[in-house]
Amino acid sequence: MGPFAAGHILDCAQRLSQSVAARDAHTKALTAALQGLRRNEPPATTVPAPAARTAPAARTH
């Protein structure tokens, strides 16, 4: 293996390393974005809603 081949292999290894780093960064960002879109689970204990109030009956004379 000559100096040209060694330099070429080193260049390819550096580019591959940069590509893997970029992929990992994109995966991390995408995972965070998707987790932000996930629906929240309802609370384990729910407080019942107050009963609806009805309007008082109209008086007729």
N, C-alpha and C. Protein backbone atom coordinates (compact mmCIF):
# COMPACT_ATOMS: atom_id res chain seq x y z
N MET A 1 0.86 -1.16 0.00
CA MET A 1 0.00 0.00 0.00
C MET A 1 0.91 1.23 0.00
N GLY A 2 0.63 2.12 -0.92
CA GLY A 2 1.46 3.30 -1.07
C GLY A 2 0.90 4.48 -0.29
N PRO A 3 1.62 5.58 -0.29
CA PRO A 3 1.16 6.77 0.44
C PRO A 3 -0.15 7.33 -0.11
N PHE A 4 -0.38 7.19 -1.42
CA PHE A 4 -1.63 7.69 -1.99
C PHE A 4 -2.81 6.90 -1.44
N ALA A 5 -2.67 5.56 -1.40
CA ALA A 5 -3.75 4.71 -0.90
C ALA A 5 -4.00 4.97 0.58
N ALA A 6 -2.93 5.17 1.35
CA ALA A 6 -3.10 5.42 2.79
C ALA A 6 -3.82 6.74 3.01
N GLY A 7 -3.49 7.77 2.27
CA GLY A 7 -4.17 9.06 2.39
C GLY A 7 -5.62 8.96 1.98
N HIS A 8 -5.89 8.17 0.93
CA HIS A 8 -7.26 7.98 0.46
C HIS A 8 -8.08 7.25 1.51
N ILE A 9 -7.53 6.23 2.12
CA ILE A 9 -8.24 5.47 3.15
C ILE A 9 -8.50 6.36 4.37
N LEU A 10 -7.53 7.16 4.76
CA LEU A 10 -7.70 8.07 5.89
C LEU A 10 -8.82 9.09 5.60
N ASP A 11 -8.84 9.62 4.37
CA ASP A 11 -9.88 10.58 3.99
C ASP A 11 -11.26 9.92 4.04
N CYS A 12 -11.36 8.71 3.55
CA CYS A 12 -12.64 7.99 3.58
C CYS A 12 -13.09 7.72 5.01
N ALA A 13 -12.14 7.36 5.87
CA ALA A 13 -12.48 7.08 7.26
C ALA A 13 -12.98 8.36 7.95
N GLN A 14 -12.38 9.50 7.66
CA GLN A 14 -12.82 10.75 8.25
C GLN A 14 -14.22 11.13 7.77
N ARG A 15 -14.47 10.94 6.48
CA ARG A 15 -15.81 11.25 5.94
C ARG A 15 -16.87 10.33 6.54
N LEU A 16 -16.52 9.07 6.72
CA LEU A 16 -17.45 8.11 7.31
C LEU A 16 -17.74 8.50 8.76
N SER A 17 -16.73 8.91 9.48
CA SER A 17 -16.90 9.34 10.87
C SER A 17 -17.81 10.56 10.96
N GLN A 18 -17.63 11.52 10.05
CA GLN A 18 -18.48 12.71 10.02
C GLN A 18 -19.92 12.34 9.69
N SER A 19 -20.10 11.41 8.78
CA SER A 19 -21.45 10.98 8.40
C SER A 19 -22.16 10.31 9.56
N VAL A 20 -21.45 9.48 10.30
CA VAL A 20 -22.04 8.81 11.45
C VAL A 20 -22.41 9.82 12.53
N ALA A 21 -21.55 10.81 12.75
CA ALA A 21 -21.84 11.85 13.75
C ALA A 21 -23.07 12.65 13.34
N ALA A 22 -23.19 12.98 12.06
CA ALA A 22 -24.35 13.73 11.57
C ALA A 22 -25.62 12.89 11.72
N ARG A 23 -25.53 11.60 11.39
CA ARG A 23 -26.69 10.71 11.51
C ARG A 23 -27.14 10.64 12.96
N ASP A 24 -26.20 10.51 13.89
CA ASP A 24 -26.55 10.42 15.31
C ASP A 24 -27.21 11.71 15.80
N ALA A 25 -26.71 12.85 15.34
CA ALA A 25 -27.30 14.13 15.73
C ALA A 25 -28.72 14.26 15.17
N HIS A 26 -28.92 13.85 13.94
CA HIS A 26 -30.26 13.93 13.34
C HIS A 26 -31.21 12.97 14.03
N THR A 27 -30.73 11.79 14.39
CA THR A 27 -31.57 10.82 15.09
C THR A 27 -32.00 11.37 16.44
N LYS A 28 -31.08 12.00 17.15
CA LYS A 28 -31.39 12.57 18.45
C LYS A 28 -32.43 13.68 18.32
N ALA A 29 -32.27 14.56 17.34
CA ALA A 29 -33.21 15.66 17.14
C ALA A 29 -34.59 15.15 16.73
N LEU A 30 -34.62 14.17 15.85
CA LEU A 30 -35.89 13.62 15.39
C LEU A 30 -36.61 12.89 16.52
N THR A 31 -35.87 12.16 17.33
CA THR A 31 -36.47 11.46 18.46
C THR A 31 -37.09 12.46 19.42
N ALA A 32 -36.39 13.54 19.70
CA ALA A 32 -36.93 14.57 20.60
C ALA A 32 -38.19 15.20 20.02
N ALA A 33 -38.20 15.46 18.72
CA ALA A 33 -39.37 16.05 18.08
C ALA A 33 -40.56 15.10 18.13
N LEU A 34 -40.33 13.83 17.87
CA LEU A 34 -41.42 12.86 17.89
C LEU A 34 -41.96 12.66 19.30
N GLN A 35 -41.09 12.67 20.29
CA GLN A 35 -41.55 12.53 21.67
C GLN A 35 -42.37 13.75 22.09
N GLY A 36 -42.08 14.90 21.52
CA GLY A 36 -42.86 16.10 21.81
C GLY A 36 -44.25 16.02 21.22
N LEU A 37 -44.44 15.22 20.20
CA LEU A 37 -45.75 15.09 19.56
C LEU A 37 -46.61 14.01 20.21
N ARG A 38 -46.00 13.19 21.06
CA ARG A 38 -46.73 12.09 21.68
C ARG A 38 -47.80 12.62 22.62
N ARG A 39 -48.94 11.96 22.64
CA ARG A 39 -50.02 12.38 23.54
C ARG A 39 -49.64 12.05 24.97
N ASN A 40 -50.03 12.92 25.87
CA ASN A 40 -49.79 12.67 27.28
C ASN A 40 -50.81 11.66 27.78
N GLU A 41 -50.35 10.81 28.68
CA GLU A 41 -51.27 9.84 29.28
C GLU A 41 -52.17 10.58 30.26
N PRO A 42 -53.44 10.16 30.35
CA PRO A 42 -54.33 10.81 31.32
C PRO A 42 -53.83 10.50 32.74
N PRO A 43 -54.08 11.38 33.69
CA PRO A 43 -53.63 11.13 35.05
C PRO A 43 -54.26 9.86 35.61
N ALA A 44 -53.56 9.20 36.52
CA ALA A 44 -54.04 7.94 37.09
C ALA A 44 -55.34 8.15 37.85
N THR A 45 -55.42 9.21 38.62
CA THR A 45 -56.65 9.51 39.35
C THR A 45 -57.26 10.76 38.75
N THR A 46 -58.47 10.64 38.33
CA THR A 46 -59.14 11.79 37.73
C THR A 46 -60.17 12.34 38.71
N VAL A 47 -60.28 13.62 38.72
CA VAL A 47 -61.28 14.29 39.57
C VAL A 47 -62.55 14.41 38.74
N PRO A 48 -63.67 13.95 39.28
CA PRO A 48 -64.91 14.05 38.50
C PRO A 48 -65.28 15.50 38.24
N ALA A 49 -65.82 15.75 37.09
CA ALA A 49 -66.23 17.10 36.71
C ALA A 49 -67.44 17.51 37.56
N PRO A 50 -67.55 18.78 37.92
CA PRO A 50 -68.71 19.21 38.72
C PRO A 50 -69.99 19.04 37.90
N ALA A 51 -71.07 18.79 38.62
CA ALA A 51 -72.36 18.60 37.95
C ALA A 51 -72.76 19.89 37.25
N ALA A 52 -73.36 19.74 36.10
CA ALA A 52 -73.79 20.91 35.33
C ALA A 52 -74.96 21.58 36.05
N ARG A 53 -74.90 22.89 36.12
CA ARG A 53 -75.99 23.63 36.76
C ARG A 53 -77.10 23.85 35.75
N THR A 54 -78.30 23.78 36.25
CA THR A 54 -79.45 24.04 35.37
C THR A 54 -80.01 25.41 35.72
N ALA A 55 -80.57 26.05 34.77
CA ALA A 55 -81.18 27.36 35.00
C ALA A 55 -82.46 27.18 35.82
N PRO A 56 -82.75 28.10 36.73
CA PRO A 56 -83.98 27.97 37.51
C PRO A 56 -85.21 28.03 36.57
N ALA A 57 -86.21 27.30 36.96
CA ALA A 57 -87.43 27.26 36.14
C ALA A 57 -88.09 28.64 36.12
N ALA A 58 -88.59 29.03 34.98
CA ALA A 58 -89.25 30.34 34.83
C ALA A 58 -90.61 30.29 35.52
N ARG A 59 -90.93 31.35 36.27
CA ARG A 59 -92.22 31.41 36.97
C ARG A 59 -93.28 31.92 36.00
N THR A 60 -94.42 31.31 36.06
CA THR A 60 -95.55 31.79 35.25
C THR A 60 -96.63 32.29 36.20
N HIS A 61 -97.28 33.38 35.94
CA HIS A 61 -98.30 33.94 36.81
C HIS A 61 -99.66 33.63 36.33
